[in-house]
Every structure is written in C-alpha cells, then in structure tokens.
N, C-alpha and C. Protein backbone atom coordinates (compact mmCIF):
# COMPACT_ATOMS: atom_id res chain seq x y z
N MET A 1 -25.15 6.62 27.80
CA MET A 1 -25.08 7.90 27.09
C MET A 1 -24.90 8.87 27.96
N ALA A 2 -24.64 10.07 27.34
CA ALA A 2 -24.25 11.47 27.89
C ALA A 2 -25.14 11.39 29.41
N ASP A 3 -24.14 11.66 30.47
CA ASP A 3 -24.58 11.95 32.15
C ASP A 3 -25.00 13.69 32.32
N ASN A 4 -24.95 14.06 31.37
CA ASN A 4 -25.17 15.71 31.11
C ASN A 4 -25.98 15.84 30.33
N SER A 5 -26.88 17.26 30.38
CA SER A 5 -27.62 17.04 28.86
C SER A 5 -27.56 18.90 28.76
N PHE A 6 -26.66 19.14 27.97
CA PHE A 6 -26.77 20.44 27.66
C PHE A 6 -27.52 20.64 26.05
N PRO A 7 -27.99 21.74 26.29
CA PRO A 7 -29.26 22.12 25.47
C PRO A 7 -28.69 21.95 23.45
N THR A 8 -29.85 21.20 23.13
CA THR A 8 -29.39 21.24 21.51
C THR A 8 -30.12 22.06 20.60
N VAL A 9 -29.58 22.20 19.61
CA VAL A 9 -30.41 23.54 18.81
C VAL A 9 -31.22 22.61 17.71
N PRO A 10 -32.24 23.03 17.37
CA PRO A 10 -32.90 22.59 16.35
C PRO A 10 -32.74 23.46 15.30
N LEU A 11 -32.95 22.51 13.49
CA LEU A 11 -32.32 23.06 12.52
C LEU A 11 -32.69 24.28 12.06
N SER A 12 -33.69 24.74 12.69
CA SER A 12 -34.44 25.95 12.18
C SER A 12 -35.95 26.17 13.23
N ILE A 13 -36.28 27.32 13.45
CA ILE A 13 -37.29 27.65 14.23
C ILE A 13 -37.60 29.06 13.60
N PRO A 14 -39.23 29.25 13.78
CA PRO A 14 -39.44 30.76 13.23
C PRO A 14 -38.65 32.21 13.62
N ASN A 15 -38.71 31.66 14.74
CA ASN A 15 -38.10 32.82 14.98
C ASN A 15 -36.65 33.15 15.36
N THR A 16 -36.23 33.70 14.42
CA THR A 16 -34.85 33.92 13.98
C THR A 16 -33.83 34.81 15.29
N GLU A 17 -34.27 35.40 15.66
CA GLU A 17 -33.70 36.21 17.22
C GLU A 17 -33.09 34.79 18.06
N GLN A 18 -34.51 34.39 18.41
CA GLN A 18 -34.11 33.22 19.29
C GLN A 18 -33.33 31.98 19.09
N HIS A 19 -33.54 31.56 17.55
CA HIS A 19 -32.36 30.32 16.90
C HIS A 19 -31.30 30.77 17.27
N LEU A 20 -31.10 32.30 17.11
CA LEU A 20 -29.16 33.21 16.85
C LEU A 20 -29.00 32.45 18.86
N ARG A 21 -29.73 33.17 19.38
CA ARG A 21 -29.45 32.77 20.67
C ARG A 21 -29.07 31.49 21.20
N LEU A 22 -29.76 30.45 20.79
CA LEU A 22 -29.80 28.82 21.12
C LEU A 22 -28.35 28.44 20.26
N VAL A 23 -28.05 29.25 19.04
CA VAL A 23 -26.80 28.66 18.13
C VAL A 23 -25.33 29.26 19.09
N SER A 24 -25.81 30.61 19.42
CA SER A 24 -24.33 30.99 20.19
C SER A 24 -24.69 30.30 21.41
N THR A 25 -25.53 30.25 22.41
CA THR A 25 -25.33 29.29 23.85
C THR A 25 -24.61 27.78 23.01
N SER A 26 -24.82 27.38 22.46
CA SER A 26 -24.87 25.97 21.92
C SER A 26 -23.03 26.29 21.58
N LEU A 27 -22.68 26.91 20.89
CA LEU A 27 -21.17 27.16 20.34
C LEU A 27 -20.62 27.56 21.48
N ASN A 28 -21.02 28.43 22.49
CA ASN A 28 -20.11 28.71 23.69
C ASN A 28 -20.13 27.57 24.48
N ASN A 29 -21.33 26.94 24.42
CA ASN A 29 -21.20 25.78 25.43
C ASN A 29 -19.85 24.84 24.86
N THR A 30 -19.93 24.66 23.56
CA THR A 30 -18.77 23.68 23.29
C THR A 30 -17.50 24.23 23.49
N ILE A 31 -17.32 25.49 22.97
CA ILE A 31 -16.00 26.70 23.53
C ILE A 31 -15.34 26.36 24.93
N ASN A 32 -16.19 25.98 25.73
CA ASN A 32 -15.60 26.10 27.11
C ASN A 32 -16.08 24.61 27.29
N GLY A 33 -15.98 23.53 26.36
CA GLY A 33 -16.05 21.94 26.76
C GLY A 33 -16.97 21.46 27.33
N LYS A 34 -18.31 21.94 27.11
CA LYS A 34 -19.44 21.52 27.62
C LYS A 34 -19.89 20.87 26.54
N LEU A 35 -19.75 19.48 26.75
CA LEU A 35 -20.37 18.69 25.23
C LEU A 35 -20.89 17.62 25.90
N ASN A 36 -22.01 16.96 25.00
CA ASN A 36 -22.81 15.55 25.29
C ASN A 36 -22.17 14.89 24.73
N SER A 37 -20.82 14.61 25.27
CA SER A 37 -20.44 13.84 24.36
C SER A 37 -19.68 12.50 25.36
N THR A 38 -20.39 12.46 26.71
CA THR A 38 -19.61 11.67 27.71
C THR A 38 -20.32 10.63 28.20
N GLY A 39 -19.77 9.92 29.23
CA GLY A 39 -20.90 8.61 29.92
C GLY A 39 -19.39 8.26 31.14
N GLU A 40 -20.16 6.76 31.84
CA GLU A 40 -19.45 6.02 32.83
C GLU A 40 -19.91 4.56 32.16
N ILE A 41 -18.34 3.87 32.67
CA ILE A 41 -18.65 2.28 32.09
C ILE A 41 -18.33 1.93 33.65
N THR A 42 -18.83 0.50 34.09
CA THR A 42 -17.72 0.00 34.60
C THR A 42 -17.70 -1.54 34.09
N LEU A 43 -16.28 -1.92 33.95
CA LEU A 43 -15.82 -3.38 33.75
C LEU A 43 -16.62 -4.19 34.26
N THR A 44 -16.70 -5.12 33.34
CA THR A 44 -17.40 -6.46 33.87
C THR A 44 -16.44 -7.45 34.68
N ASN A 45 -16.70 -7.65 35.72
CA ASN A 45 -15.75 -8.53 36.79
C ASN A 45 -16.04 -9.81 36.05
N SER A 46 -14.74 -10.50 36.45
CA SER A 46 -14.43 -12.29 36.48
C SER A 46 -14.37 -12.10 34.45
N SER A 47 -14.62 -11.01 34.03
CA SER A 47 -14.59 -11.47 32.17
C SER A 47 -13.37 -10.45 32.28
N THR A 48 -13.29 -10.88 30.80
CA THR A 48 -11.84 -10.29 29.97
C THR A 48 -12.26 -9.16 29.07
N THR A 49 -13.61 -9.26 28.79
CA THR A 49 -14.16 -8.15 27.79
C THR A 49 -15.35 -7.55 28.49
N SER A 50 -15.54 -6.27 28.29
CA SER A 50 -17.05 -5.32 28.73
C SER A 50 -17.22 -4.52 27.19
N VAL A 51 -18.78 -5.00 27.04
CA VAL A 51 -19.15 -3.81 25.85
C VAL A 51 -19.63 -2.44 26.23
N LEU A 52 -19.41 -1.57 25.23
CA LEU A 52 -19.77 0.08 25.88
C LEU A 52 -20.52 0.14 24.55
N THR A 53 -21.88 0.54 25.39
CA THR A 53 -23.04 0.60 24.33
C THR A 53 -23.11 1.99 24.48
N ASP A 54 -23.04 2.69 23.20
CA ASP A 54 -23.58 4.23 23.13
C ASP A 54 -23.97 4.54 21.63
N ALA A 55 -24.88 4.90 21.40
CA ALA A 55 -25.52 5.54 20.09
C ALA A 55 -24.33 6.33 19.45
N ARG A 56 -23.61 7.10 19.86
CA ARG A 56 -22.42 7.90 19.27
C ARG A 56 -21.39 7.24 18.81
N ILE A 57 -20.82 6.12 19.33
CA ILE A 57 -19.84 5.10 18.68
C ILE A 57 -19.94 4.89 17.46
N GLY A 58 -18.84 5.00 16.82
CA GLY A 58 -19.28 4.92 14.98
C GLY A 58 -17.84 4.52 14.57
N GLY A 59 -17.69 4.15 13.93
CA GLY A 59 -16.44 3.41 12.98
C GLY A 59 -15.11 4.57 13.07
N ASN A 60 -15.20 5.69 13.42
CA ASN A 60 -14.39 6.50 12.97
C ASN A 60 -14.24 7.08 14.53
N SER A 61 -14.70 6.70 15.39
CA SER A 61 -14.87 7.19 17.20
C SER A 61 -13.79 6.83 17.80
N VAL A 62 -13.28 8.18 18.60
CA VAL A 62 -12.22 7.90 19.60
C VAL A 62 -12.77 8.07 20.83
N ILE A 63 -12.22 6.96 21.49
CA ILE A 63 -13.08 6.91 23.21
C ILE A 63 -11.82 6.81 24.08
N LEU A 64 -12.00 7.86 24.77
CA LEU A 64 -11.15 8.27 25.97
C LEU A 64 -11.45 7.98 27.21
N LEU A 65 -10.75 6.82 28.21
CA LEU A 65 -11.07 7.18 29.48
C LEU A 65 -10.53 7.74 30.40
N MET A 66 -11.34 8.05 31.68
CA MET A 66 -10.41 8.44 32.79
C MET A 66 -10.91 7.81 34.26
N PRO A 67 -10.13 6.97 34.95
CA PRO A 67 -10.58 6.00 35.72
C PRO A 67 -10.87 7.08 36.94
N ILE A 68 -12.07 6.68 37.62
CA ILE A 68 -12.28 7.22 38.40
C ILE A 68 -12.17 6.09 39.80
N THR A 69 -12.30 4.87 39.77
CA THR A 69 -12.09 4.21 41.29
C THR A 69 -10.60 4.02 41.29
N ASN A 70 -10.33 3.40 42.27
CA ASN A 70 -8.62 3.03 42.61
C ASN A 70 -8.38 1.97 41.84
N ASN A 71 -9.06 0.74 41.73
CA ASN A 71 -9.21 -0.37 40.59
C ASN A 71 -8.77 -0.03 39.49
N ALA A 72 -9.38 0.94 39.18
CA ALA A 72 -9.38 0.93 37.61
C ALA A 72 -8.08 1.69 36.93
N ALA A 73 -7.54 2.53 37.92
CA ALA A 73 -6.15 3.05 37.78
C ALA A 73 -5.10 2.35 36.80
N ASN A 74 -4.97 1.36 37.07
CA ASN A 74 -3.99 0.09 36.90
C ASN A 74 -4.48 -1.10 35.85
N ALA A 75 -5.93 -0.92 35.39
CA ALA A 75 -6.28 -1.22 34.22
C ALA A 75 -5.73 -1.39 33.16
N ASN A 76 -5.26 -2.29 31.99
CA ASN A 76 -4.69 -2.21 31.08
C ASN A 76 -5.78 -2.79 29.71
N ILE A 77 -5.90 -1.56 29.12
CA ILE A 77 -7.21 -1.71 28.02
C ILE A 77 -7.21 -1.49 26.75
N HIS A 78 -7.32 -2.08 26.05
CA HIS A 78 -7.26 -1.75 24.28
C HIS A 78 -9.03 -1.64 23.84
N PHE A 79 -9.43 -1.46 22.72
CA PHE A 79 -10.94 -1.55 21.99
C PHE A 79 -10.42 -2.44 20.70
N THR A 80 -11.66 -3.28 20.72
CA THR A 80 -11.83 -3.84 19.45
C THR A 80 -13.29 -3.51 19.04
N ASN A 81 -13.64 -4.16 17.92
CA ASN A 81 -14.97 -4.02 17.26
C ASN A 81 -15.51 -2.50 17.84
N ILE A 82 -15.05 -1.49 17.19
CA ILE A 82 -15.72 0.02 17.40
C ILE A 82 -16.72 0.32 15.92
N GLY A 83 -17.69 0.22 16.84
CA GLY A 83 -18.70 0.94 14.96
C GLY A 83 -20.32 0.54 15.91
N ASP A 84 -20.95 1.65 14.81
CA ASP A 84 -22.07 1.28 15.19
C ASP A 84 -22.82 1.15 16.41
N GLY A 85 -22.54 1.70 17.21
CA GLY A 85 -23.29 2.19 18.94
C GLY A 85 -22.42 0.90 19.67
N THR A 86 -21.44 0.72 19.45
CA THR A 86 -20.50 -0.01 20.44
C THR A 86 -19.37 -0.34 20.54
N ALA A 87 -18.44 -0.79 21.25
CA ALA A 87 -17.08 -1.18 21.44
C ALA A 87 -17.01 -1.90 22.49
N THR A 88 -15.84 -2.82 22.01
CA THR A 88 -15.69 -3.95 23.53
C THR A 88 -14.37 -3.64 23.84
N LEU A 89 -14.38 -3.70 25.21
CA LEU A 89 -12.76 -2.82 25.95
C LEU A 89 -12.38 -4.42 25.92
N ASN A 90 -11.21 -4.67 26.08
CA ASN A 90 -10.45 -5.74 26.62
C ASN A 90 -9.44 -5.59 27.86
N HIS A 91 -9.49 -6.14 28.77
CA HIS A 91 -9.21 -5.84 29.81
C HIS A 91 -8.90 -7.28 30.67
N GLY A 92 -7.83 -7.13 31.71
CA GLY A 92 -7.55 -8.52 32.42
C GLY A 92 -8.75 -8.81 33.30
N SER A 93 -9.12 -9.85 33.87
CA SER A 93 -9.87 -10.15 34.64
C SER A 93 -9.86 -9.57 36.07
N GLY A 94 -10.50 -9.50 36.57
CA GLY A 94 -10.93 -8.81 38.02
C GLY A 94 -11.95 -9.11 38.96
N SER A 95 -11.91 -8.93 40.27
CA SER A 95 -12.91 -8.92 41.04
C SER A 95 -13.46 -7.55 41.80
N SER A 96 -12.60 -6.98 41.24
CA SER A 96 -12.82 -5.39 41.87
C SER A 96 -13.46 -4.24 41.23
N THR A 97 -14.39 -3.39 41.58
CA THR A 97 -15.43 -2.36 40.93
C THR A 97 -14.18 -1.53 39.65
N ARG A 98 -14.60 -1.62 38.67
CA ARG A 98 -13.36 -0.49 37.92
C ARG A 98 -14.34 0.22 37.38
N THR A 99 -14.18 1.57 37.22
CA THR A 99 -15.10 2.57 37.12
C THR A 99 -14.24 3.72 36.21
N PHE A 100 -14.72 3.72 35.06
CA PHE A 100 -13.94 5.04 34.07
C PHE A 100 -15.32 5.84 33.53
N LYS A 101 -14.83 6.99 33.56
CA LYS A 101 -15.63 8.17 32.87
C LYS A 101 -14.93 7.83 31.55
N TYR A 102 -15.79 8.35 30.41
CA TYR A 102 -15.24 8.21 28.97
C TYR A 102 -15.94 9.45 28.23
N VAL A 103 -15.08 9.71 27.15
CA VAL A 103 -15.67 10.56 26.23
C VAL A 103 -15.33 10.13 24.48
N ILE A 104 -16.33 10.63 23.83
CA ILE A 104 -16.61 9.68 22.63
C ILE A 104 -16.63 10.85 21.52
N ILE A 105 -15.18 10.72 20.51
CA ILE A 105 -15.05 12.10 19.44
C ILE A 105 -14.87 11.46 18.16
N GLY A 106 -15.75 11.86 17.41
CA GLY A 106 -16.06 11.29 16.12
C GLY A 106 -16.87 10.31 15.84
C-alpha cells in the first residue's frame, strides 16, 4: 500500500466550512501530485514471477514502475493477471535485489 499518507476527505461532516477546507486541501494535494497511489516492490529472487498485492489494483489499472536499485534498472518486466488487488510481474530470474517504486492509476 501507499508509503505516504495524504489526508482523505469524508463524504460529509456537519461543519460545512471544515468540510470545504478538507476538500480544498485534498484537491490542491492532487493537483500537486500528492497521491495515495504509490508503493514499493522487490522482485522475488531466483524466480521468474513476483506478485504485487495492493487493494487499489483493479482490472483497469495501469501500474508504472521506477527502478530504485541499480540491478532493477536492467529488469525486463511485463504484467499479467491484473485485477482484484493483485498483479503478476513476469521477469527474468536473478539473485540480486531489484526494487521498484510503483504508482497505480485507475
């Protein structure tokens, strides 16, 4: 799940002014790229698949990866079985740590 925690907004609260302030803060955070849709995954060593488990993944999700370790930069990855909170990453087998940050859209 997200390794950040930007505030979410309840659908309604009795204090309209406070609710509008929360909505405005959340919208401004979104405009500035502050989203709760990121996480981190390390590929499974000595395997050709790794499973990303994240409740935000659905059948229409797009998952973008950013390598954050040197060995991850050379990984060739494609996704299968995307939906219902998981996605399978297919990759070459390796023995070095290959870690990525990810963002889920949709």
